Amino acid sequence: MADRERVIAYRVAAHQFDRTTADASDLRVFDLGLQDSERSATPALAARLDHVPDLTTFTLTWSVRGAPHWHRPDDVPDLAARLWPLSDADAVARMNRPPVADGRAALHEVASALRAVVTEPMTKGEASSRLTSKVRPEVTGWCRGCDTTHVLDPIFRLAVLPAGLRFDPAEKTVTFVPLENRQAVPDTSRGFDALIADYLRLHGPAGPSEVANYFGAPVHDVKDVWPDDLVAISKRAWLPADRMEAFENPPQPEVVRLLPPLDPYLNARDRDVLVPDKAHQKEVWRILGRRGALLVDGEILGTWQAKAATDRLDVKLSPFVPLDVDMFAEEANRLATARGLGEARVS
């Protein structure tokens, strides 16, 4: 791996925290999709743009790791084939290991049945209830919360995009809408090498293990499709050739940002690079009670939490080192505006 200082400077620039990009669709984070779990998308955009746009101009669906992501509409038609499992073992792993050997065939069966079921806007509950009888029982299970048997959630989530479905973001209940001119359900992976390059442009230099971890695929499958035209930075890290100039001379990462939990910057899989201190890693990537990260000139120097109070956003900082609270006032107010609140208070 190249020296950490250069890697961090490259990534901060690659994530476009400098706010020189005016059009959200030009943000590199949309190359992989912008995750929107726990309302993470809006603050992630506020960290990169002067003005947060209406996200409904993008397409929301379950995609990478079965999580909800916003994508450019023009990227969606090819995305299902790019994300299609690389092998049967890959499919079984991504589906949380149901008792099937032919993982891709099982996923194809579920996606095809779901595609046939949802021909008009339909809630997840209704789609799920109609789907159960049309698939093999090995991919279903009893759900105590629903008091019924239905397709296991990880499998259902992975099947939505191949079935050609998106969400209706105007509905509070998860509601599926068929994509216009939706493609046939894939039967083989096509274009995963392009996703590898996109990951490396944003989170590189990195290697197959980080890419595999990000997409939830086995490392040996990722190695089998590793592009030949990447530039080796070390024995374990690569970059696309078109990013070498940016890597060799990155600008100084002179930015202060409030990164939300699940911000794309925090989704890089080499956490030791982002946050070398193990104790600090546990705070930044909590499993329960997720917190955002304080990004100061390329270093993650603490965490933060926010709570809306009437027309105000209260932001509480938990720095790892002494920091001036006032340096985050502007960012907190930007975040409050993005969430439709009048002002912010930082403590």
Protein backbone atom coordinates (compact mmCIF):
# COMPACT_ATOMS: atom_id res chain seq x y z
CA MET A 1 0.00 0.00 0.00
CA ALA A 2 1.18 3.53 -0.72
CA ASP A 3 1.77 5.87 2.21
CA ARG A 4 -1.37 6.54 4.19
CA GLU A 5 -1.18 10.33 3.85
CA ARG A 6 -1.37 10.12 0.07
CA VAL A 7 -4.18 7.54 0.14
CA ILE A 8 -6.28 9.72 2.45
CA ALA A 9 -5.65 12.84 0.34
CA TYR A 10 -6.64 10.92 -2.80
CA ARG A 11 -9.85 9.58 -1.28
CA VAL A 12 -10.99 12.92 0.13
CA ALA A 13 -10.57 14.39 -3.36
CA ALA A 14 -12.25 11.39 -5.00
CA HIS A 15 -15.26 11.84 -2.73
CA GLN A 16 -15.58 15.46 -3.90
CA PHE A 17 -15.89 17.00 -0.45
CA ASP A 18 -14.60 20.28 -1.91
CA ARG A 19 -18.14 21.12 -3.11
CA THR A 20 -16.95 22.24 -6.54
CA THR A 21 -19.42 19.85 -8.18
CA ALA A 22 -22.78 21.49 -8.86
CA ASP A 23 -24.76 18.61 -10.37
CA ALA A 24 -25.45 15.71 -8.00
CA SER A 25 -25.42 13.22 -10.87
CA ASP A 26 -21.74 14.10 -11.44
CA LEU A 27 -20.79 12.87 -7.97
CA ARG A 28 -18.61 9.79 -8.08
CA VAL A 29 -20.51 8.20 -5.19
CA PHE A 30 -23.37 7.49 -7.60
CA ASP A 31 -21.07 5.23 -9.64
CA LEU A 32 -21.65 2.61 -6.94
CA GLY A 33 -24.97 4.00 -5.69
CA LEU A 34 -25.68 6.20 -2.69
CA GLN A 35 -26.88 4.15 0.26
CA ASP A 36 -29.95 5.50 2.03
CA SER A 37 -30.26 3.48 5.22
CA GLU A 38 -31.32 5.39 8.32
CA ARG A 39 -31.76 8.57 6.23
CA SER A 40 -28.06 8.65 5.37
CA ALA A 41 -28.30 9.92 1.77
CA THR A 42 -29.30 13.55 2.42
CA PRO A 43 -26.48 14.35 4.90
CA ALA A 44 -24.02 12.52 2.63
CA LEU A 45 -25.00 14.87 -0.19
CA ALA A 46 -24.87 17.89 2.14
CA ALA A 47 -21.21 17.02 2.80
CA ARG A 48 -20.48 17.19 -0.94
CA LEU A 49 -22.83 19.78 -2.45
CA ASP A 50 -23.77 23.39 -1.79
CA HIS A 51 -27.39 22.50 -2.50
CA VAL A 52 -28.99 19.12 -1.84
CA PRO A 53 -31.32 18.27 -4.74
CA ASP A 54 -34.60 16.38 -4.78
CA LEU A 55 -33.42 12.79 -4.73
CA THR A 56 -36.52 11.55 -6.52
CA THR A 57 -34.80 12.42 -9.80
CA PHE A 58 -32.71 9.33 -9.04
CA THR A 59 -33.90 5.71 -8.79
CA LEU A 60 -34.16 4.03 -5.39
CA THR A 61 -33.97 0.25 -5.09
CA TRP A 62 -32.30 -2.55 -3.14
CA SER A 63 -28.97 -3.13 -4.84
CA VAL A 64 -25.46 -3.44 -3.32
CA ARG A 65 -25.56 -5.95 -0.43
CA GLY A 66 -29.36 -5.81 -0.61
CA ALA A 67 -29.34 -2.31 0.92
CA PRO A 68 -31.39 0.64 -0.41
CA HIS A 69 -29.36 2.79 -2.78
CA TRP A 70 -30.10 5.75 -5.02
CA HIS A 71 -28.80 5.31 -8.58
CA ARG A 72 -28.70 7.40 -11.72
CA PRO A 73 -31.68 6.23 -13.79
CA ASP A 74 -29.48 5.55 -16.82
CA ASP A 75 -27.24 3.26 -14.74
CA VAL A 76 -30.02 1.00 -13.51
CA PRO A 77 -30.73 -1.14 -16.63
CA ASP A 78 -27.23 -2.69 -16.58
CA LEU A 79 -26.88 -2.83 -12.81
CA ALA A 80 -28.73 -6.09 -12.20
CA ALA A 81 -26.37 -8.04 -14.47
CA ARG A 82 -23.32 -6.32 -12.95
CA LEU A 83 -24.41 -7.27 -9.44
CA TRP A 84 -25.52 -10.78 -10.37
CA PRO A 85 -23.58 -13.38 -8.32
CA LEU A 86 -20.31 -14.56 -9.82
CA SER A 87 -20.87 -18.22 -8.86
CA ASP A 88 -23.38 -20.46 -7.10
CA ALA A 89 -21.33 -20.21 -3.91
CA ASP A 90 -21.39 -16.43 -4.24
CA ALA A 91 -25.19 -16.49 -4.61
CA VAL A 92 -25.61 -18.71 -1.56
CA ALA A 93 -23.35 -16.47 0.50
CA ARG A 94 -25.19 -13.29 -0.52
CA MET A 95 -28.54 -14.95 0.24
CA ASN A 96 -27.35 -15.70 3.80
CA ARG A 97 -26.77 -19.39 3.10
CA PRO A 98 -30.15 -21.03 2.52
CA PRO A 99 -30.05 -24.84 2.08
CA VAL A 100 -29.57 -24.78 -1.71
CA ALA A 101 -26.60 -25.76 -3.86
CA ASP A 102 -27.64 -24.06 -7.10
CA GLY A 103 -27.59 -20.53 -5.72
CA ARG A 104 -27.89 -18.63 -8.98
CA ALA A 105 -30.76 -20.80 -10.20
CA ALA A 106 -32.57 -20.30 -6.89
CA LEU A 107 -32.13 -16.53 -7.07
CA HIS A 108 -33.21 -16.51 -10.72
CA GLU A 109 -36.34 -18.43 -9.75
CA VAL A 110 -37.27 -15.93 -7.04
CA ALA A 111 -36.53 -12.89 -9.21
CA SER A 112 -38.53 -14.29 -12.12
CA ALA A 113 -41.50 -15.06 -9.89
CA LEU A 114 -41.33 -11.62 -8.32
CA ARG A 115 -41.21 -10.01 -11.75
CA ALA A 116 -44.35 -11.92 -12.74
CA VAL A 117 -46.12 -10.92 -9.50
CA VAL A 118 -45.40 -7.19 -9.53
CA THR A 119 -46.80 -5.80 -12.77
CA GLU A 120 -48.14 -2.61 -11.17
CA PRO A 121 -47.35 -0.61 -8.00
CA MET A 122 -47.57 -3.01 -5.05
CA THR A 123 -46.55 -2.96 -1.39
CA LYS A 124 -43.83 -5.27 -0.20
CA GLY A 125 -46.31 -7.13 2.01
CA GLU A 126 -48.66 -7.90 -0.84
CA ALA A 127 -45.83 -8.86 -3.20
CA SER A 128 -44.35 -11.14 -0.54
CA SER A 129 -47.64 -12.89 0.15
CA ARG A 130 -48.19 -13.59 -3.55
CA LEU A 131 -44.62 -14.77 -4.06
CA THR A 132 -44.34 -17.52 -1.44
CA SER A 133 -46.30 -20.22 -3.28
CA LYS A 134 -44.39 -19.64 -6.53
CA VAL A 135 -40.89 -20.51 -5.28
CA ARG A 136 -39.14 -23.53 -3.79
CA PRO A 137 -39.65 -23.92 -0.03
CA GLU A 138 -35.89 -23.89 0.67
CA VAL A 139 -35.80 -20.11 0.10
CA THR A 140 -38.71 -19.44 2.47
CA GLY A 141 -39.03 -19.44 6.23
CA TRP A 142 -41.42 -18.75 9.06
CA CYS A 143 -41.45 -15.12 10.17
CA ARG A 144 -42.55 -14.59 13.74
CA GLY A 145 -43.11 -10.86 13.21
CA CYS A 146 -45.38 -11.42 10.22
CA ASP A 147 -46.85 -14.66 11.60
CA THR A 148 -46.50 -16.26 8.19
CA THR A 149 -44.10 -18.03 5.84
CA HIS A 150 -42.43 -15.94 3.15
CA VAL A 151 -39.24 -15.64 1.12
CA LEU A 152 -36.31 -15.00 3.44
CA ASP A 153 -35.53 -11.30 3.60
CA PRO A 154 -31.92 -11.38 2.27
CA ILE A 155 -33.11 -13.37 -0.76
CA PHE A 156 -36.10 -11.12 -1.32
CA ARG A 157 -33.89 -8.03 -1.24
CA LEU A 158 -31.40 -9.50 -3.73
CA ALA A 159 -34.24 -10.42 -6.11
CA VAL A 160 -35.84 -6.97 -6.33
CA LEU A 161 -33.40 -5.35 -8.77
CA PRO A 162 -33.10 -8.41 -11.08
CA ALA A 163 -36.92 -8.51 -11.09
CA GLY A 164 -36.85 -5.00 -12.55
CA LEU A 165 -38.35 -3.16 -9.58
CA ARG A 166 -37.71 0.16 -7.88
CA PHE A 167 -39.29 1.85 -4.86
CA ASP A 168 -41.89 4.59 -4.91
CA PRO A 169 -40.12 7.10 -2.62
CA ALA A 170 -43.37 9.00 -2.04
CA GLU A 171 -44.87 6.06 -0.15
CA LYS A 172 -44.09 5.54 3.55
CA THR A 173 -44.66 1.80 3.19
CA VAL A 174 -42.17 0.02 0.93
CA THR A 175 -43.93 0.02 -2.43
CA PHE A 176 -42.49 -1.51 -5.59
CA VAL A 177 -42.93 -0.06 -9.07
CA PRO A 178 -41.86 -1.89 -12.26
CA LEU A 179 -39.01 -0.14 -14.02
CA GLU A 180 -39.74 1.22 -17.46
CA ASN A 181 -38.39 -1.10 -20.17
CA ARG A 182 -37.11 -3.48 -17.49
CA GLN A 183 -34.58 -6.04 -18.61
CA ALA A 184 -34.94 -9.80 -18.42
CA VAL A 185 -33.75 -11.47 -15.22
CA PRO A 186 -29.99 -12.10 -15.63
CA ASP A 187 -28.64 -15.62 -15.74
CA THR A 188 -24.97 -14.69 -15.62
CA SER A 189 -22.81 -11.88 -14.27
CA ARG A 190 -21.91 -9.25 -16.85
CA GLY A 191 -19.85 -6.18 -16.08
CA PHE A 192 -18.65 -6.83 -12.54
CA ASP A 193 -15.21 -5.67 -13.67
CA ALA A 194 -16.69 -2.20 -14.18
CA LEU A 195 -17.91 -2.20 -10.57
CA ILE A 196 -14.42 -3.17 -9.43
CA ALA A 197 -12.99 -0.16 -11.24
CA ASP A 198 -15.69 2.11 -9.80
CA TYR A 199 -14.88 0.92 -6.28
CA LEU A 200 -11.17 1.55 -6.79
CA ARG A 201 -11.74 5.03 -8.23
CA LEU A 202 -13.62 5.99 -5.07
CA HIS A 203 -12.00 3.86 -2.35
CA GLY A 204 -8.64 2.90 -3.84
CA PRO A 205 -5.94 1.95 -3.87
CA ALA A 206 -7.31 -1.40 -2.73
CA GLY A 207 -7.33 -5.08 -3.58
CA PRO A 208 -9.69 -8.02 -4.13
CA SER A 209 -10.38 -8.59 -0.42
CA GLU A 210 -11.74 -5.06 0.07
CA VAL A 211 -13.82 -5.24 -3.10
CA ALA A 212 -15.19 -8.67 -2.15
CA ASN A 213 -16.10 -7.46 1.33
CA TYR A 214 -17.90 -4.41 -0.07
CA PHE A 215 -20.07 -6.40 -2.49
CA GLY A 216 -20.47 -9.45 -0.25
CA ALA A 217 -18.78 -11.79 -2.74
CA PRO A 218 -16.14 -14.49 -2.13
CA VAL A 219 -12.58 -13.21 -2.57
CA HIS A 220 -11.59 -16.01 -4.96
CA ASP A 221 -14.51 -15.16 -7.28
CA VAL A 222 -13.47 -11.51 -7.34
CA LYS A 223 -9.89 -12.51 -8.11
CA ASP A 224 -11.16 -14.57 -11.06
CA VAL A 225 -12.66 -11.45 -12.70
CA TRP A 226 -10.02 -8.95 -11.55
CA PRO A 227 -9.34 -6.59 -14.49
CA ASP A 228 -5.97 -6.91 -16.23
CA ASP A 229 -5.68 -3.21 -17.06
CA LEU A 230 -5.40 -1.92 -13.47
CA VAL A 231 -2.21 -0.29 -12.24
CA ALA A 232 -0.54 -2.02 -9.28
CA ILE A 233 0.32 0.45 -6.53
CA SER A 234 1.70 -2.37 -4.38
CA LYS A 235 1.37 -6.16 -4.16
CA ARG A 236 -2.10 -5.76 -2.63
CA ALA A 237 -3.52 -2.52 -4.02
CA TRP A 238 -4.53 -1.27 -7.45
CA LEU A 239 -6.03 1.75 -9.20
CA PRO A 240 -7.53 2.28 -12.66
CA ALA A 241 -5.05 3.92 -15.01
CA ASP A 242 -7.29 6.96 -15.43
CA ARG A 243 -6.86 7.79 -11.72
CA MET A 244 -3.09 7.56 -11.51
CA GLU A 245 -2.43 11.25 -12.13
CA ALA A 246 -4.96 12.18 -9.42
CA PHE A 247 -3.29 9.73 -7.03
CA GLU A 248 0.26 10.89 -7.67
CA ASN A 249 -0.47 14.51 -6.83
CA PRO A 250 -3.67 14.82 -4.75
CA PRO A 251 -4.65 18.19 -3.22
CA GLN A 252 -4.34 18.75 0.49
CA PRO A 253 -7.52 17.46 2.22
CA GLU A 254 -8.39 20.78 3.87
CA VAL A 255 -12.07 20.21 4.64
CA VAL A 256 -14.24 19.98 7.76
CA ARG A 257 -17.31 17.79 7.36
CA LEU A 258 -19.99 16.03 9.39
CA LEU A 259 -20.19 12.61 7.76
CA PRO A 260 -23.37 10.67 8.53
CA PRO A 261 -23.40 7.03 9.58
CA LEU A 262 -23.05 4.90 6.43
CA ASP A 263 -21.55 7.76 4.45
CA PRO A 264 -19.85 6.35 1.33
CA TYR A 265 -16.47 7.51 2.63
CA LEU A 266 -16.94 5.31 5.70
CA ASN A 267 -17.97 2.33 3.55
CA ALA A 268 -14.41 1.68 2.35
CA ARG A 269 -13.46 -1.75 3.64
CA ASP A 270 -9.92 -0.98 4.83
CA ARG A 271 -10.90 0.66 8.10
CA ASP A 272 -7.35 0.52 9.42
CA VAL A 273 -6.45 3.11 6.79
CA LEU A 274 -9.32 5.45 7.61
CA VAL A 275 -9.05 5.10 11.40
CA PRO A 276 -5.82 3.42 12.59
CA ASP A 277 -6.81 3.39 16.29
CA LYS A 278 -8.83 0.24 17.12
CA ALA A 279 -10.73 1.86 19.99
CA HIS A 280 -11.76 4.74 17.75
CA GLN A 281 -12.87 2.27 15.06
CA LYS A 282 -15.34 0.77 17.52
CA GLU A 283 -16.88 4.23 18.05
CA VAL A 284 -17.06 5.17 14.36
CA TRP A 285 -18.50 1.83 13.20
CA ARG A 286 -20.82 0.94 16.06
CA ILE A 287 -23.20 -1.92 15.36
CA LEU A 288 -25.87 -0.43 17.62
CA GLY A 289 -26.53 3.27 17.97
CA ARG A 290 -24.63 4.31 14.85
CA ARG A 291 -22.89 7.69 14.90
CA GLY A 292 -21.55 10.02 12.26
CA ALA A 293 -17.86 10.89 11.90
CA LEU A 294 -16.01 14.19 12.30
CA LEU A 295 -13.80 14.61 9.24
CA VAL A 296 -11.10 17.26 9.71
CA ASP A 297 -8.47 17.68 6.99
CA GLY A 298 -8.67 14.03 6.05
CA GLU A 299 -8.60 12.60 9.56
CA ILE A 300 -11.61 11.18 11.40
CA LEU A 301 -11.26 12.87 14.78
CA GLY A 302 -14.47 11.90 16.55
CA THR A 303 -18.14 11.06 16.22
CA TRP A 304 -21.39 13.00 16.38
CA GLN A 305 -25.10 12.52 16.92
CA ALA A 306 -28.02 14.74 15.98
CA LYS A 307 -31.57 15.15 17.21
CA ALA A 308 -34.30 17.38 15.82
CA ALA A 309 -35.98 19.67 18.36
CA THR A 310 -38.93 21.58 16.87
CA ASP A 311 -37.25 23.70 14.16
CA ARG A 312 -33.70 23.14 15.38
CA LEU A 313 -31.10 20.43 14.93
CA ASP A 314 -29.08 19.68 18.06
CA VAL A 315 -25.68 18.25 17.14
CA LYS A 316 -23.59 16.67 19.88
CA LEU A 317 -19.89 16.11 19.18
CA SER A 318 -17.76 13.40 20.78
CA PRO A 319 -14.21 14.22 19.63
CA PHE A 320 -11.25 11.90 20.10
CA VAL A 321 -8.95 14.92 20.58
CA PRO A 322 -9.59 18.52 21.72
CA LEU A 323 -11.48 20.37 18.97
CA ASP A 324 -13.06 23.79 18.62
CA VAL A 325 -16.81 23.26 18.53
CA ASP A 326 -17.28 26.37 16.40
CA MET A 327 -15.45 24.81 13.47
CA PHE A 328 -18.51 22.58 12.88
CA ALA A 329 -21.15 25.31 13.14
CA GLU A 330 -21.41 25.94 9.41
CA GLU A 331 -21.63 22.24 8.62
CA ALA A 332 -24.29 21.73 11.27
CA ASN A 333 -26.37 24.55 9.79
CA ARG A 334 -25.98 23.07 6.30
CA LEU A 335 -27.22 19.77 7.67
CA ALA A 336 -30.17 21.44 9.38
CA THR A 337 -31.13 23.17 6.12
CA ALA A 338 -30.88 19.90 4.20
CA ARG A 339 -33.26 18.31 6.71
CA GLY A 340 -35.72 21.21 6.45
CA LEU A 341 -34.92 22.72 9.83
CA GLY A 342 -34.28 26.37 10.62
CA GLU A 343 -31.02 26.25 12.56
CA ALA A 344 -28.52 24.06 14.35
CA ARG A 345 -26.94 24.07 17.78
CA VAL A 346 -23.60 22.37 18.32
CA SER A 347 -22.41 21.13 21.71
